[in-house]
Amino acid sequence: MDTEFNLSLKNAADLEEKLREAGWDNAYMGKIAVEDLANLLQVVKGYGEFVQLRHIIEPKKPKELMPEYKLLTHKESPPREITPESIGLYSSPLHKSTESESNQLYWIEGIDVKRDLEVNNIDLCNGNVLDYYLEHQGIIPEYWKAEVMGEKQEMKYPVICFWATSYVFSDSDDEDSESDEFFIRALSWNPETSKYEVEMILISECWFPHYLVAYWK
């Protein structure tokens, strides 16, 4: 087995590129110790694993989607930590009819939900939170996959919507954030694969009772 180590110019350049893509900078490089590198080697060899102690959402540009979508709005937020208690799910009270005493829920217009969120000053989660959850599905609270009451009292898996980042079709001339012709991304539980998947929700279409909005508490 060849144990010789030679950090050639090419190897150094490749390492620098990978570190930069992973978010490293000179400040972090100055903090790393020999013991840290030794532990990293054990992980690379398959003898150990990383354990992430905290889950921080850093401000960054939203993820680029398929070519047919382009970014419309994105609400940036300061670094925030995801914990089981830091994010809640909002269900609009507009789903319940004021003309009936029954517990039946009804679909409503997406634009009405948008106004409801604005009036109540809900601190909405953006698409970066969705992407983080998608990559770290083990930290998603269990109750997010519990069935909830849908339209006509049918039980449905929740669709978790992240309103603070929105998109339009790439060929659209509509740049009006007040329009309802835009999409938001959502997470939905797939019991067949036991994984969360991403849905695109068009706001101008029906907003069903099992559509819940992720927000910072």
C-alpha atoms as a PDB file:
ATOM      1  CA  MET A   1       0.000   0.000   0.000  1.00  0.00           C
ATOM      2  CA  ASP A   2       1.355   3.399  -1.019  1.00  0.00           C
ATOM      3  CA  THR A   3       1.516   5.602   2.092  1.00  0.00           C
ATOM      4  CA  GLU A   4       3.567   8.399   0.545  1.00  0.00           C
ATOM      5  CA  PHE A   5       1.957  11.819   0.798  1.00  0.00           C
ATOM      6  CA  ASN A   6       2.719  14.451  -1.786  1.00  0.00           C
ATOM      7  CA  LEU A   7       0.566  17.578  -1.939  1.00  0.00           C
ATOM      8  CA  SER A   8       1.240  18.498  -5.545  1.00  0.00           C
ATOM      9  CA  LEU A   9       0.109  21.782  -7.038  1.00  0.00           C
ATOM     10  CA  LYS A  10      -2.801  19.985  -8.695  1.00  0.00           C
ATOM     11  CA  ASN A  11      -3.836  18.263  -5.459  1.00  0.00           C
ATOM     12  CA  ALA A  12      -3.590  21.549  -3.588  1.00  0.00           C
ATOM     13  CA  ALA A  13      -5.717  23.304  -6.204  1.00  0.00           C
ATOM     14  CA  ASP A  14      -8.333  20.540  -6.087  1.00  0.00           C
ATOM     15  CA  LEU A  15      -8.415  20.669  -2.288  1.00  0.00           C
ATOM     16  CA  GLU A  16      -8.763  24.463  -2.303  1.00  0.00           C
ATOM     17  CA  GLU A  17     -11.680  24.257  -4.744  1.00  0.00           C
ATOM     18  CA  LYS A  18     -13.494  21.639  -2.652  1.00  0.00           C
ATOM     19  CA  LEU A  19     -12.969  23.602   0.569  1.00  0.00           C
ATOM     20  CA  ARG A  20     -14.266  26.772  -1.063  1.00  0.00           C
ATOM     21  CA  GLU A  21     -17.363  24.988  -2.387  1.00  0.00           C
ATOM     22  CA  ALA A  22     -17.986  23.616   1.109  1.00  0.00           C
ATOM     23  CA  GLY A  23     -17.973  27.139   2.589  1.00  0.00           C
ATOM     24  CA  TRP A  24     -14.460  27.283   4.035  1.00  0.00           C
ATOM     25  CA  ASP A  25     -12.548  30.551   4.269  1.00  0.00           C
ATOM     26  CA  ASN A  26      -9.186  31.666   5.698  1.00  0.00           C
ATOM     27  CA  ALA A  27     -10.682  32.286   9.141  1.00  0.00           C
ATOM     28  CA  TYR A  28     -11.865  28.679   9.413  1.00  0.00           C
ATOM     29  CA  MET A  29      -8.569  27.344   8.101  1.00  0.00           C
ATOM     30  CA  GLY A  30      -6.761  29.130  10.925  1.00  0.00           C
ATOM     31  CA  LYS A  31      -8.891  27.318  13.520  1.00  0.00           C
ATOM     32  CA  ILE A  32      -8.330  23.759  12.341  1.00  0.00           C
ATOM     33  CA  ALA A  33      -5.949  21.597  14.399  1.00  0.00           C
ATOM     34  CA  VAL A  34      -3.961  18.441  13.628  1.00  0.00           C
ATOM     35  CA  GLU A  35      -6.397  16.468  15.795  1.00  0.00           C
ATOM     36  CA  ASP A  36      -9.281  17.693  13.624  1.00  0.00           C
ATOM     37  CA  LEU A  37      -7.509  16.468  10.490  1.00  0.00           C
ATOM     38  CA  ALA A  38      -6.832  13.107  12.145  1.00  0.00           C
ATOM     39  CA  ASN A  39     -10.518  12.735  12.996  1.00  0.00           C
ATOM     40  CA  LEU A  40     -11.461  13.713   9.427  1.00  0.00           C
ATOM     41  CA  LEU A  41      -9.177  10.985   8.106  1.00  0.00           C
ATOM     42  CA  GLN A  42     -10.996   8.389  10.220  1.00  0.00           C
ATOM     43  CA  VAL A  43     -14.292   9.474   8.641  1.00  0.00           C
ATOM     44  CA  VAL A  44     -12.820   9.308   5.123  1.00  0.00           C
ATOM     45  CA  LYS A  45     -11.541   5.797   5.859  1.00  0.00           C
ATOM     46  CA  GLY A  46     -15.013   4.765   7.004  1.00  0.00           C
ATOM     47  CA  TYR A  47     -14.048   4.278  10.649  1.00  0.00           C
ATOM     48  CA  GLY A  48     -16.086   7.143  12.053  1.00  0.00           C
ATOM     49  CA  GLU A  49     -18.874   9.575  11.299  1.00  0.00           C
ATOM     50  CA  PHE A  50     -19.711  13.223  11.802  1.00  0.00           C
ATOM     51  CA  VAL A  51     -22.257  14.239  14.426  1.00  0.00           C
ATOM     52  CA  GLN A  52     -23.755  17.676  13.850  1.00  0.00           C
ATOM     53  CA  LEU A  53     -24.517  19.391  17.151  1.00  0.00           C
ATOM     54  CA  ARG A  54     -26.410  22.433  15.841  1.00  0.00           C
ATOM     55  CA  HIS A  55     -28.399  23.158  12.698  1.00  0.00           C
ATOM     56  CA  ILE A  56     -27.928  26.754  11.567  1.00  0.00           C
ATOM     57  CA  ILE A  57     -29.605  28.330   8.545  1.00  0.00           C
ATOM     58  CA  GLU A  58     -27.151  30.811   7.034  1.00  0.00           C
ATOM     59  CA  PRO A  59     -28.280  33.700   4.794  1.00  0.00           C
ATOM     60  CA  LYS A  60     -27.554  32.783   1.188  1.00  0.00           C
ATOM     61  CA  LYS A  61     -28.907  32.969  -2.322  1.00  0.00           C
ATOM     62  CA  PRO A  62     -31.878  30.618  -2.828  1.00  0.00           C
ATOM     63  CA  LYS A  63     -31.337  27.357  -4.646  1.00  0.00           C
ATOM     64  CA  GLU A  64     -31.695  27.489  -8.418  1.00  0.00           C
ATOM     65  CA  LEU A  65     -34.508  25.317  -9.711  1.00  0.00           C
ATOM     66  CA  MET A  66     -35.242  23.758 -13.056  1.00  0.00           C
ATOM     67  CA  PRO A  67     -34.794  26.106 -16.051  1.00  0.00           C
ATOM     68  CA  GLU A  68     -38.544  26.653 -16.384  1.00  0.00           C
ATOM     69  CA  TYR A  69     -38.682  28.550 -13.068  1.00  0.00           C
ATOM     70  CA  LYS A  70     -37.083  31.844 -12.061  1.00  0.00           C
ATOM     71  CA  LEU A  71     -36.902  33.565  -8.676  1.00  0.00           C
ATOM     72  CA  LEU A  72     -39.587  36.183  -7.959  1.00  0.00           C
ATOM     73  CA  THR A  73     -39.144  37.076  -4.276  1.00  0.00           C
ATOM     74  CA  HIS A  74     -36.909  35.929  -1.437  1.00  0.00           C
ATOM     75  CA  LYS A  75     -37.116  37.152   2.152  1.00  0.00           C
ATOM     76  CA  GLU A  76     -33.637  36.928   3.648  1.00  0.00           C
ATOM     77  CA  SER A  77     -33.198  36.298   7.361  1.00  0.00           C
ATOM     78  CA  PRO A  78     -30.258  36.413   9.787  1.00  0.00           C
ATOM     79  CA  PRO A  79     -28.576  33.156  10.848  1.00  0.00           C
ATOM     80  CA  ARG A  80     -31.084  31.085  12.763  1.00  0.00           C
ATOM     81  CA  GLU A  81     -30.930  27.736  14.498  1.00  0.00           C
ATOM     82  CA  ILE A  82     -33.404  24.986  13.713  1.00  0.00           C
ATOM     83  CA  THR A  83     -34.618  23.156  16.804  1.00  0.00           C
ATOM     84  CA  PRO A  84     -37.745  21.041  17.389  1.00  0.00           C
ATOM     85  CA  GLU A  85     -39.370  24.132  18.923  1.00  0.00           C
ATOM     86  CA  SER A  86     -38.164  26.905  16.601  1.00  0.00           C
ATOM     87  CA  ILE A  87     -40.511  26.325  13.646  1.00  0.00           C
ATOM     88  CA  GLY A  88     -44.275  25.977  13.731  1.00  0.00           C
ATOM     89  CA  LEU A  89     -47.007  25.187  11.202  1.00  0.00           C
ATOM     90  CA  TYR A  90     -49.742  27.725  10.505  1.00  0.00           C
ATOM     91  CA  SER A  91     -53.217  26.740   9.316  1.00  0.00           C
ATOM     92  CA  SER A  92     -55.384  29.584   8.076  1.00  0.00           C
ATOM     93  CA  PRO A  93     -58.666  30.000   9.985  1.00  0.00           C
ATOM     94  CA  LEU A  94     -60.254  30.976   6.663  1.00  0.00           C
ATOM     95  CA  HIS A  95     -60.716  27.273   5.891  1.00  0.00           C
ATOM     96  CA  LYS A  96     -63.578  27.128   8.388  1.00  0.00           C
ATOM     97  CA  SER A  97     -66.864  28.529   7.154  1.00  0.00           C
ATOM     98  CA  THR A  98     -68.400  31.296   9.271  1.00  0.00           C
ATOM     99  CA  GLU A  99     -71.845  30.238   8.029  1.00  0.00           C
ATOM    100  CA  SER A 100     -71.685  26.749   9.492  1.00  0.00           C
ATOM    101  CA  GLU A 101     -71.227  25.359  12.987  1.00  0.00           C
ATOM    102  CA  SER A 102     -69.752  22.113  11.662  1.00  0.00           C
ATOM    103  CA  ASN A 103     -66.046  21.298  11.847  1.00  0.00           C
ATOM    104  CA  GLN A 104     -65.845  20.772   8.091  1.00  0.00           C
ATOM    105  CA  LEU A 105     -62.991  22.578   6.337  1.00  0.00           C
ATOM    106  CA  TYR A 106     -63.078  24.054   2.849  1.00  0.00           C
ATOM    107  CA  TRP A 107     -60.525  25.017   0.211  1.00  0.00           C
ATOM    108  CA  ILE A 108     -59.861  28.738  -0.175  1.00  0.00           C
ATOM    109  CA  GLU A 109     -58.032  31.020  -2.609  1.00  0.00           C
ATOM    110  CA  GLY A 110     -54.260  31.134  -2.271  1.00  0.00           C
ATOM    111  CA  ILE A 111     -54.233  34.928  -2.540  1.00  0.00           C
ATOM    112  CA  ASP A 112     -56.514  35.073   0.533  1.00  0.00           C
ATOM    113  CA  VAL A 113     -53.964  33.026   2.466  1.00  0.00           C
ATOM    114  CA  LYS A 114     -51.258  35.485   1.366  1.00  0.00           C
ATOM    115  CA  ARG A 115     -53.283  38.393   2.801  1.00  0.00           C
ATOM    116  CA  ASP A 116     -53.990  36.408   5.979  1.00  0.00           C
ATOM    117  CA  LEU A 117     -50.256  35.819   6.514  1.00  0.00           C
ATOM    118  CA  GLU A 118     -49.484  39.503   5.935  1.00  0.00           C
ATOM    119  CA  VAL A 119     -52.230  40.742   8.277  1.00  0.00           C
ATOM    120  CA  ASN A 120     -51.049  38.431  11.065  1.00  0.00           C
ATOM    121  CA  ASN A 121     -47.383  39.333  10.434  1.00  0.00           C
ATOM    122  CA  ILE A 122     -46.324  35.689  10.268  1.00  0.00           C
ATOM    123  CA  ASP A 123     -42.520  35.274  10.233  1.00  0.00           C
ATOM    124  CA  LEU A 124     -42.406  32.979   7.214  1.00  0.00           C
ATOM    125  CA  CYS A 125     -39.677  30.432   6.502  1.00  0.00           C
ATOM    126  CA  ASN A 126     -37.897  30.765   3.169  1.00  0.00           C
ATOM    127  CA  GLY A 127     -36.718  28.197   0.643  1.00  0.00           C
ATOM    128  CA  ASN A 128     -33.326  27.818   2.331  1.00  0.00           C
ATOM    129  CA  VAL A 129     -35.098  26.218   5.299  1.00  0.00           C
ATOM    130  CA  LEU A 130     -36.863  23.791   2.955  1.00  0.00           C
ATOM    131  CA  ASP A 131     -33.551  22.848   1.321  1.00  0.00           C
ATOM    132  CA  TYR A 132     -31.925  22.283   4.707  1.00  0.00           C
ATOM    133  CA  TYR A 133     -34.758  20.032   5.852  1.00  0.00           C
ATOM    134  CA  LEU A 134     -34.606  18.138   2.558  1.00  0.00           C
ATOM    135  CA  GLU A 135     -30.912  17.381   3.163  1.00  0.00           C
ATOM    136  CA  HIS A 136     -31.390  16.633   6.886  1.00  0.00           C
ATOM    137  CA  GLN A 137     -34.713  14.800   6.978  1.00  0.00           C
ATOM    138  CA  GLY A 138     -33.870  13.183  10.302  1.00  0.00           C
ATOM    139  CA  ILE A 139     -34.424  16.479  12.139  1.00  0.00           C
ATOM    140  CA  ILE A 140     -37.925  17.075  10.741  1.00  0.00           C
ATOM    141  CA  PRO A 141     -40.439  16.780  13.616  1.00  0.00           C
ATOM    142  CA  GLU A 142     -42.426  13.543  13.556  1.00  0.00           C
ATOM    143  CA  TYR A 143     -45.769  15.325  13.796  1.00  0.00           C
ATOM    144  CA  TRP A 144     -45.177  16.908  10.363  1.00  0.00           C
ATOM    145  CA  LYS A 145     -46.033  13.556   8.795  1.00  0.00           C
ATOM    146  CA  ALA A 146     -49.148  12.950  10.918  1.00  0.00           C
ATOM    147  CA  GLU A 147     -52.353  13.080   8.915  1.00  0.00           C
ATOM    148  CA  VAL A 148     -54.527  16.156   9.365  1.00  0.00           C
ATOM    149  CA  MET A 149     -58.110  17.031   8.496  1.00  0.00           C
ATOM    150  CA  GLY A 150     -58.478  17.908   4.829  1.00  0.00           C
ATOM    151  CA  GLU A 151     -61.391  18.971   2.685  1.00  0.00           C
ATOM    152  CA  LYS A 152     -64.668  17.072   3.241  1.00  0.00           C
ATOM    153  CA  GLN A 153     -63.227  15.725   6.504  1.00  0.00           C
ATOM    154  CA  GLU A 154     -60.805  13.448   4.675  1.00  0.00           C
ATOM    155  CA  MET A 155     -57.492  12.762   6.404  1.00  0.00           C
ATOM    156  CA  LYS A 156     -54.453  13.934   4.421  1.00  0.00           C
ATOM    157  CA  TYR A 157     -50.695  14.077   4.851  1.00  0.00           C
ATOM    158  CA  PRO A 158     -49.700  17.735   5.414  1.00  0.00           C
ATOM    159  CA  VAL A 159     -48.079  19.745   2.649  1.00  0.00           C
ATOM    160  CA  ILE A 160     -45.571  22.041   4.402  1.00  0.00           C
ATOM    161  CA  CYS A 161     -45.253  25.324   2.491  1.00  0.00           C
ATOM    162  CA  PHE A 162     -42.334  27.783   2.579  1.00  0.00           C
ATOM    163  CA  TRP A 163     -43.800  31.132   1.537  1.00  0.00           C
ATOM    164  CA  ALA A 164     -40.812  33.470   1.918  1.00  0.00           C
ATOM    165  CA  THR A 165     -39.319  32.373  -1.423  1.00  0.00           C
ATOM    166  CA  SER A 166     -41.441  32.437  -4.564  1.00  0.00           C
ATOM    167  CA  TYR A 167     -40.984  31.688  -8.253  1.00  0.00           C
ATOM    168  CA  VAL A 168     -42.624  32.314 -11.619  1.00  0.00           C
ATOM    169  CA  PHE A 169     -42.252  30.586 -14.969  1.00  0.00           C
ATOM    170  CA  SER A 170     -39.038  31.583 -16.735  1.00  0.00           C
ATOM    171  CA  ASP A 171     -40.947  32.930 -19.752  1.00  0.00           C
ATOM    172  CA  SER A 172     -43.326  34.953 -17.589  1.00  0.00           C
ATOM    173  CA  ASP A 173     -43.321  38.753 -17.767  1.00  0.00           C
ATOM    174  CA  ASP A 174     -45.104  38.937 -14.427  1.00  0.00           C
ATOM    175  CA  GLU A 175     -42.726  40.519 -11.903  1.00  0.00           C
ATOM    176  CA  ASP A 176     -45.525  41.745  -9.599  1.00  0.00           C
ATOM    177  CA  SER A 177     -45.141  40.243  -6.134  1.00  0.00           C
ATOM    178  CA  GLU A 178     -48.785  41.183  -5.461  1.00  0.00           C
ATOM    179  CA  SER A 179     -49.971  38.848  -8.213  1.00  0.00           C
ATOM    180  CA  ASP A 180     -51.197  35.351  -7.401  1.00  0.00           C
ATOM    181  CA  GLU A 181     -49.560  33.828 -10.485  1.00  0.00           C
ATOM    182  CA  PHE A 182     -46.511  32.537  -8.630  1.00  0.00           C
ATOM    183  CA  PHE A 183     -45.250  29.321  -7.103  1.00  0.00           C
ATOM    184  CA  ILE A 184     -43.888  28.411  -3.705  1.00  0.00           C
ATOM    185  CA  ARG A 185     -42.125  25.190  -2.792  1.00  0.00           C
ATOM    186  CA  ALA A 186     -43.422  22.711  -0.247  1.00  0.00           C
ATOM    187  CA  LEU A 187     -42.424  19.472   1.465  1.00  0.00           C
ATOM    188  CA  SER A 188     -44.770  16.499   1.447  1.00  0.00           C
ATOM    189  CA  TRP A 189     -44.318  13.109   3.070  1.00  0.00           C
ATOM    190  CA  ASN A 190     -44.312  10.086   0.760  1.00  0.00           C
ATOM    191  CA  PRO A 191     -45.221   6.997   2.810  1.00  0.00           C
ATOM    192  CA  GLU A 192     -44.169   4.679  -0.038  1.00  0.00           C
ATOM    193  CA  THR A 193     -40.552   5.890  -0.023  1.00  0.00           C
ATOM    194  CA  SER A 194     -40.518   7.068   3.628  1.00  0.00           C
ATOM    195  CA  LYS A 195     -39.023  10.355   2.464  1.00  0.00           C
ATOM    196  CA  TYR A 196     -40.082  13.965   2.049  1.00  0.00           C
ATOM    197  CA  GLU A 197     -40.410  15.242  -1.508  1.00  0.00           C
ATOM    198  CA  VAL A 198     -40.719  18.725  -3.000  1.00  0.00           C
ATOM    199  CA  GLU A 199     -43.912  20.051  -4.552  1.00  0.00           C
ATOM    200  CA  MET A 200     -44.478  23.275  -6.479  1.00  0.00           C
ATOM    201  CA  ILE A 201     -47.668  25.019  -5.341  1.00  0.00           C
ATOM    202  CA  LEU A 202     -49.311  27.565  -7.657  1.00  0.00           C
ATOM    203  CA  ILE A 203     -50.929  30.223  -5.488  1.00  0.00           C
ATOM    204  CA  SER A 204     -53.685  31.056  -7.983  1.00  0.00           C
ATOM    205  CA  GLU A 205     -55.078  27.543  -7.596  1.00  0.00           C
ATOM    206  CA  CYS A 206     -56.994  26.047  -4.671  1.00  0.00           C
ATOM    207  CA  TRP A 207     -55.407  26.234  -1.231  1.00  0.00           C
ATOM    208  CA  PHE A 208     -56.499  23.127   0.631  1.00  0.00           C
ATOM    209  CA  PRO A 209     -56.862  22.668   4.413  1.00  0.00           C
ATOM    210  CA  HIS A 210     -53.916  20.261   4.599  1.00  0.00           C
ATOM    211  CA  TYR A 211     -51.594  22.961   3.203  1.00  0.00           C
ATOM    212  CA  LEU A 212     -49.725  24.258   6.259  1.00  0.00           C
ATOM    213  CA  VAL A 213     -47.286  27.201   6.347  1.00  0.00           C
ATOM    214  CA  ALA A 214     -43.877  26.868   8.034  1.00  0.00           C
ATOM    215  CA  TYR A 215     -42.997  29.872  10.201  1.00  0.00           C
ATOM    216  CA  TRP A 216     -40.410  30.937  12.766  1.00  0.00           C
ATOM    217  CA  LYS A 217     -41.845  31.053  16.272  1.00  0.00           C
END
